[in-house]
Amino acid sequence: MAITEKLKKVFVKDTKKINKCLFPAAGYGTRFLPATKAMPKEMLPIVNKPLIQYGVEEALEAGITNMAIVTGRGKRAIEDHFDIAYELESQIKGTDKESLLEDIKAVIDRCVFTYTRQIEMKGLGHAVLTGKPLIGDEPFAVILADDLCFSDNSAVLKQMVDVYEKYGVCVVAVQEVDMEDISKYGVIKGKEVEERIFKVEYMVEKPSKEEAPSNLAVIGRYILIPEIFDILETLPPGKNGEIQLTDALLKLAEKGKVFAYKFKGKRFDCGSVQGFVEATNFFYERMKN
């Protein structure tokens, strides 16, 4: 029996459908100051659509309609964006501007949005743990909105859901990065069990070039099983004194419960000015064509 068939028999029996997507959105966006002094970084527009809307639309394409958003102080604009704007809609009704709201209205109609606040910024692991009351005891996806992904065929998160449905374990999206940039990422070491799919043996947060176990870096797309919450609740601070999601995933990887998927598509680091400009140019060109 092939190794992939053995793995499927072990994991797939407990697979539950992914119904919720968590968006950690409480960060300050300091790399974009002063623009983000009063505006959430997740609301920065790529052409005419905010970053977080791209993420929600990606989740929708993966068949997920329940969006759980972890916000913080000064993030009210996110909630307002995913709500009806009676005065604006009344003002532009019957004009050529009315069609510009069609996409966001379709998103609002199809999704359920829930929110909670992260009082202190203690790292991505803490942000995910803060979302536990919105998620409950079920597997879920995580999208970091400032990692903007694009694929001509199947959305990156949809590709990951397909992997999860085969194996029923945590799935992290990875891509090859230049070793000069490796210290910006969580990095995995794994055994390839199927094309583009790796069973993770080890992972580390922001290693030096010399310490990195590979050039496969984790980007802002995850599918997590509820066991992650139990680990995060007792996890001590790691790199930079923060609760690191990578450290929690390592504990699950040691039990064989984390796979990495080398996704098909493009990813823009819109948390950086360079990546933000690249994404804007890319989507502007697509809009023209």
Protein backbone atom coordinates (compact mmCIF):
# COMPACT_ATOMS: atom_id res chain seq x y z
CA MET A 1 0.00 0.00 0.00
CA ALA A 2 1.39 3.45 -0.95
CA ILE A 3 2.38 5.78 1.89
CA THR A 4 -0.28 8.31 0.96
CA GLU A 5 -3.01 5.66 1.15
CA LYS A 6 -1.77 4.58 4.59
CA LEU A 7 -1.82 8.19 5.80
CA LYS A 8 -5.34 8.71 4.49
CA LYS A 9 -6.59 5.64 6.37
CA VAL A 10 -5.08 6.96 9.60
CA PHE A 11 -6.38 10.52 9.43
CA VAL A 12 -9.40 10.91 7.19
CA LYS A 13 -11.86 9.06 9.46
CA ASP A 14 -12.12 12.01 11.87
CA THR A 15 -12.26 14.77 9.29
CA LYS A 16 -14.94 17.42 9.90
CA LYS A 17 -15.95 20.12 7.46
CA ILE A 18 -14.28 23.52 7.78
CA ASN A 19 -17.12 25.97 8.51
CA LYS A 20 -15.26 28.94 10.03
CA CYS A 21 -12.35 31.17 9.09
CA LEU A 22 -10.51 33.20 11.73
CA PHE A 23 -8.98 36.57 10.83
CA PRO A 24 -6.45 37.92 13.38
CA ALA A 25 -6.82 41.66 12.79
CA ALA A 26 -5.77 43.42 15.98
CA GLY A 27 -2.22 44.41 15.01
CA TYR A 28 -1.11 48.02 14.76
CA GLY A 29 0.36 47.93 11.25
CA THR A 30 3.37 49.98 12.33
CA ARG A 31 5.21 49.46 9.02
CA PHE A 32 2.55 51.63 7.37
CA LEU A 33 2.55 54.55 9.78
CA PRO A 34 1.29 57.23 9.60
CA ALA A 35 -1.39 55.76 7.27
CA THR A 36 -2.38 53.19 9.90
CA LYS A 37 -2.48 55.64 12.82
CA ALA A 38 -6.28 55.85 12.55
CA MET A 39 -7.04 53.23 9.86
CA PRO A 40 -6.72 49.46 10.31
CA LYS A 41 -3.98 47.99 8.11
CA GLU A 42 -6.53 45.36 7.03
CA MET A 43 -8.53 48.17 5.43
CA LEU A 44 -5.67 49.40 3.25
CA PRO A 45 -6.95 49.20 -0.33
CA ILE A 46 -5.42 47.14 -3.10
CA VAL A 47 -6.81 49.22 -5.97
CA ASN A 48 -10.43 49.66 -4.81
CA LYS A 49 -10.88 46.80 -2.32
CA PRO A 50 -9.51 46.48 1.23
CA LEU A 51 -7.10 43.69 2.06
CA ILE A 52 -9.48 41.92 4.42
CA GLN A 53 -12.19 41.70 1.75
CA TYR A 54 -9.80 39.79 -0.50
CA GLY A 55 -9.29 37.36 2.38
CA VAL A 56 -13.01 36.95 3.03
CA GLU A 57 -13.64 36.31 -0.67
CA GLU A 58 -10.89 33.66 -0.65
CA ALA A 59 -12.57 31.95 2.31
CA LEU A 60 -15.90 32.06 0.48
CA GLU A 61 -14.31 30.39 -2.53
CA ALA A 62 -13.18 27.62 -0.17
CA GLY A 63 -16.81 27.07 0.87
CA ILE A 64 -16.57 28.90 4.22
CA THR A 65 -19.27 31.40 5.16
CA ASN A 66 -18.65 32.05 8.88
CA MET A 67 -15.99 34.74 9.33
CA ALA A 68 -14.61 35.16 12.87
CA ILE A 69 -12.59 38.35 13.22
CA VAL A 70 -10.27 39.21 16.14
CA THR A 71 -10.06 43.00 16.29
CA GLY A 72 -8.70 45.60 18.68
CA ARG A 73 -8.94 49.27 19.52
CA GLY A 74 -9.32 51.50 16.47
CA LYS A 75 -10.59 48.68 14.25
CA ARG A 76 -14.24 49.68 14.04
CA ALA A 77 -13.90 50.34 10.30
CA ILE A 78 -13.67 46.57 9.69
CA GLU A 79 -17.08 45.97 11.25
CA ASP A 80 -18.56 48.93 9.39
CA HIS A 81 -17.20 47.65 6.08
CA PHE A 82 -19.03 44.34 6.44
CA ASP A 83 -22.34 46.03 7.23
CA ILE A 84 -25.06 47.88 5.36
CA ALA A 85 -24.39 51.60 4.77
CA TYR A 86 -27.91 52.97 4.48
CA GLU A 87 -27.01 56.62 3.88
CA LEU A 88 -24.37 55.85 1.24
CA GLU A 89 -26.53 53.31 -0.57
CA SER A 90 -29.47 55.72 -0.59
CA GLN A 91 -27.27 58.53 -1.91
CA ILE A 92 -25.92 56.57 -4.89
CA LYS A 93 -29.05 54.54 -5.67
CA GLY A 94 -29.91 54.78 -9.38
CA THR A 95 -26.51 56.25 -10.32
CA ASP A 96 -23.60 54.63 -12.14
CA LYS A 97 -21.84 54.34 -8.74
CA GLU A 98 -24.38 51.83 -7.42
CA SER A 99 -22.68 48.91 -9.19
CA LEU A 100 -19.44 49.58 -7.28
CA LEU A 101 -21.01 48.14 -4.12
CA GLU A 102 -22.19 44.89 -5.73
CA ASP A 103 -19.19 42.80 -4.62
CA ILE A 104 -19.26 43.82 -0.97
CA LYS A 105 -23.06 43.50 -0.78
CA ALA A 106 -22.76 39.95 -2.15
CA VAL A 107 -20.18 39.16 0.54
CA ILE A 108 -22.42 40.56 3.28
CA ASP A 109 -25.39 38.55 2.02
CA ARG A 110 -23.46 35.27 1.95
CA CYS A 111 -21.48 35.53 5.20
CA VAL A 112 -22.01 35.57 8.94
CA PHE A 113 -19.51 37.84 10.74
CA THR A 114 -18.61 37.51 14.41
CA TYR A 115 -16.11 39.61 16.34
CA THR A 116 -14.08 39.64 19.51
CA ARG A 117 -11.30 41.94 20.76
CA GLN A 118 -7.71 41.13 21.56
CA ILE A 119 -6.90 43.37 24.52
CA GLU A 120 -3.12 42.88 24.41
CA MET A 121 -0.86 42.08 21.46
CA LYS A 122 1.00 38.93 22.55
CA GLY A 123 1.72 37.27 19.23
CA LEU A 124 -0.14 35.29 16.59
CA GLY A 125 -0.68 32.32 18.89
CA HIS A 126 -2.38 34.58 21.43
CA ALA A 127 -4.53 36.13 18.69
CA VAL A 128 -5.69 32.69 17.58
CA LEU A 129 -6.43 31.72 21.19
CA THR A 130 -8.44 34.93 21.61
CA GLY A 131 -10.67 33.70 18.78
CA LYS A 132 -11.55 30.46 20.60
CA PRO A 133 -15.01 31.67 21.78
CA LEU A 134 -15.90 32.39 18.14
CA ILE A 135 -14.64 29.04 16.87
CA GLY A 136 -15.66 26.50 19.49
CA ASP A 137 -14.60 22.86 19.33
CA GLU A 138 -14.18 22.41 15.61
CA PRO A 139 -11.48 22.65 12.93
CA PHE A 140 -11.08 26.06 11.32
CA ALA A 141 -9.11 28.07 8.81
CA VAL A 142 -6.94 31.11 9.54
CA ILE A 143 -6.18 33.90 7.07
CA LEU A 144 -3.72 36.71 7.73
CA ALA A 145 -5.14 39.47 5.55
CA ASP A 146 -1.82 41.16 4.87
CA ASP A 147 -0.67 38.00 3.08
CA LEU A 148 -2.64 38.50 -0.12
CA CYS A 149 -2.84 35.35 -2.24
CA PHE A 150 -3.96 34.87 -5.82
CA SER A 151 -4.44 31.81 -7.98
CA ASP A 152 -5.82 31.60 -11.51
CA ASN A 153 -7.55 28.31 -10.83
CA SER A 154 -8.42 27.32 -7.25
CA ALA A 155 -8.03 29.77 -4.33
CA VAL A 156 -5.09 28.97 -2.05
CA LEU A 157 -7.36 28.25 0.92
CA LYS A 158 -9.53 25.97 -1.23
CA GLN A 159 -6.40 24.02 -2.19
CA MET A 160 -5.60 23.65 1.53
CA VAL A 161 -9.14 22.54 2.38
CA ASP A 162 -8.73 19.79 -0.21
CA VAL A 163 -5.54 18.63 1.55
CA TYR A 164 -7.27 18.75 4.94
CA GLU A 165 -10.17 16.67 3.64
CA LYS A 166 -7.69 13.97 2.59
CA TYR A 167 -5.76 13.79 5.85
CA GLY A 168 -7.79 15.47 8.61
CA VAL A 169 -4.81 17.23 10.23
CA CYS A 170 -3.48 20.79 10.50
CA VAL A 171 -2.33 22.21 7.17
CA VAL A 172 0.06 25.15 6.80
CA ALA A 173 0.74 26.90 3.49
CA VAL A 174 4.41 27.11 2.55
CA GLN A 175 6.48 28.59 -0.23
CA GLU A 176 10.17 28.59 -1.09
CA VAL A 177 11.87 31.84 -0.07
CA ASP A 178 15.34 33.26 -0.47
CA MET A 179 17.56 32.21 2.44
CA GLU A 180 18.47 35.88 2.95
CA ASP A 181 14.83 36.46 4.00
CA ILE A 182 14.29 33.23 5.95
CA SER A 183 14.53 34.93 9.36
CA LYS A 184 11.18 36.67 8.69
CA TYR A 185 9.20 33.41 8.69
CA GLY A 186 8.28 30.22 10.44
CA VAL A 187 10.16 27.45 8.63
CA ILE A 188 9.38 23.75 8.28
CA LYS A 189 11.28 20.55 7.75
CA GLY A 190 9.24 17.69 6.35
CA LYS A 191 8.99 14.55 4.27
CA GLU A 192 7.17 14.85 0.95
CA VAL A 193 4.34 12.30 0.97
CA GLU A 194 2.61 13.51 -2.17
CA GLU A 195 3.40 16.17 -4.75
CA ARG A 196 3.50 19.53 -2.92
CA ILE A 197 2.41 17.92 0.39
CA PHE A 198 4.85 17.40 3.28
CA LYS A 199 4.42 15.67 6.61
CA VAL A 200 6.02 18.17 8.98
CA GLU A 201 8.75 16.77 11.24
CA TYR A 202 10.05 20.05 12.66
CA MET A 203 9.32 23.77 12.49
CA VAL A 204 10.89 26.85 13.99
CA GLU A 205 9.93 30.53 14.19
CA LYS A 206 12.18 33.11 12.52
CA PRO A 207 15.44 31.14 12.46
CA SER A 208 18.73 32.56 11.28
CA LYS A 209 19.95 31.46 7.86
CA GLU A 210 22.31 29.00 9.56
CA GLU A 211 19.57 27.54 11.80
CA ALA A 212 16.85 27.20 9.15
CA PRO A 213 15.97 23.54 8.43
CA SER A 214 14.89 24.34 4.84
CA ASN A 215 13.80 27.23 2.64
CA LEU A 216 10.10 26.31 2.98
CA ALA A 217 8.51 29.22 4.82
CA VAL A 218 5.03 29.31 6.35
CA ILE A 219 2.79 32.09 5.04
CA GLY A 220 -0.48 33.44 6.40
CA ARG A 221 -2.81 30.53 5.61
CA TYR A 222 -3.57 27.75 8.09
CA ILE A 223 -6.11 25.04 8.76
CA LEU A 224 -6.09 24.12 12.44
CA ILE A 225 -7.69 21.40 14.53
CA PRO A 226 -9.29 22.38 17.89
CA GLU A 227 -6.50 20.66 19.83
CA ILE A 228 -4.42 23.75 19.06
CA PHE A 229 -6.35 25.72 21.67
CA ASP A 230 -5.37 23.34 24.50
CA ILE A 231 -1.73 23.76 23.57
CA LEU A 232 -1.91 27.56 23.25
CA GLU A 233 -3.53 27.90 26.68
CA THR A 234 -0.41 26.53 28.42
CA LEU A 235 2.27 27.53 25.92
CA PRO A 236 5.06 29.73 27.33
CA PRO A 237 6.23 32.79 25.39
CA GLY A 238 8.70 32.04 22.61
CA LYS A 239 10.52 34.20 20.07
CA ASN A 240 10.36 37.92 20.94
CA GLY A 241 8.51 37.08 24.17
CA GLU A 242 5.31 36.28 22.22
CA ILE A 243 2.99 33.28 22.12
CA GLN A 244 4.06 31.76 18.82
CA LEU A 245 1.63 29.72 16.75
CA THR A 246 4.64 27.94 15.26
CA ASP A 247 5.60 26.59 18.70
CA ALA A 248 2.10 25.21 19.23
CA LEU A 249 2.10 23.62 15.78
CA LEU A 250 5.46 22.00 16.52
CA LYS A 251 3.86 20.11 19.41
CA LEU A 252 1.18 18.80 17.05
CA ALA A 253 3.80 18.01 14.40
CA GLU A 254 5.56 15.79 16.93
CA LYS A 255 2.33 13.75 16.98
CA GLY A 256 2.18 13.62 13.18
CA LYS A 257 -0.71 16.07 13.02
CA VAL A 258 0.71 18.84 10.81
CA PHE A 259 1.13 18.79 7.04
CA ALA A 260 2.58 21.56 4.89
CA TYR A 261 1.24 22.37 1.46
CA LYS A 262 3.33 24.12 -1.21
CA PHE A 263 0.46 26.04 -2.76
CA LYS A 264 -0.11 26.96 -6.38
CA GLY A 265 -0.38 30.69 -6.91
CA LYS A 266 1.15 34.03 -5.98
CA ARG A 267 1.51 35.58 -2.56
CA PHE A 268 2.11 39.26 -1.83
CA ASP A 269 3.47 40.40 1.53
CA CYS A 270 1.20 43.42 1.94
CA GLY A 271 2.56 43.97 5.43
CA SER A 272 5.55 45.52 3.67
CA VAL A 273 5.46 48.61 1.48
CA GLN A 274 7.21 46.80 -1.38
CA GLY A 275 4.75 43.89 -1.34
CA PHE A 276 1.81 46.27 -1.07
CA VAL A 277 2.94 48.19 -4.15
CA GLU A 278 3.57 44.95 -6.08
CA ALA A 279 0.07 43.72 -5.24
CA THR A 280 -1.50 47.03 -6.23
CA ASN A 281 0.27 46.98 -9.61
CA PHE A 282 -0.63 43.33 -10.20
CA PHE A 283 -4.34 43.73 -9.46
CA TYR A 284 -4.52 47.03 -11.33
CA GLU A 285 -3.18 45.35 -14.45
CA ARG A 286 -5.68 42.52 -14.06
CA MET A 287 -8.49 45.03 -13.67
CA LYS A 288 -7.50 46.77 -16.93
CA ASN A 289 -7.42 43.49 -18.89
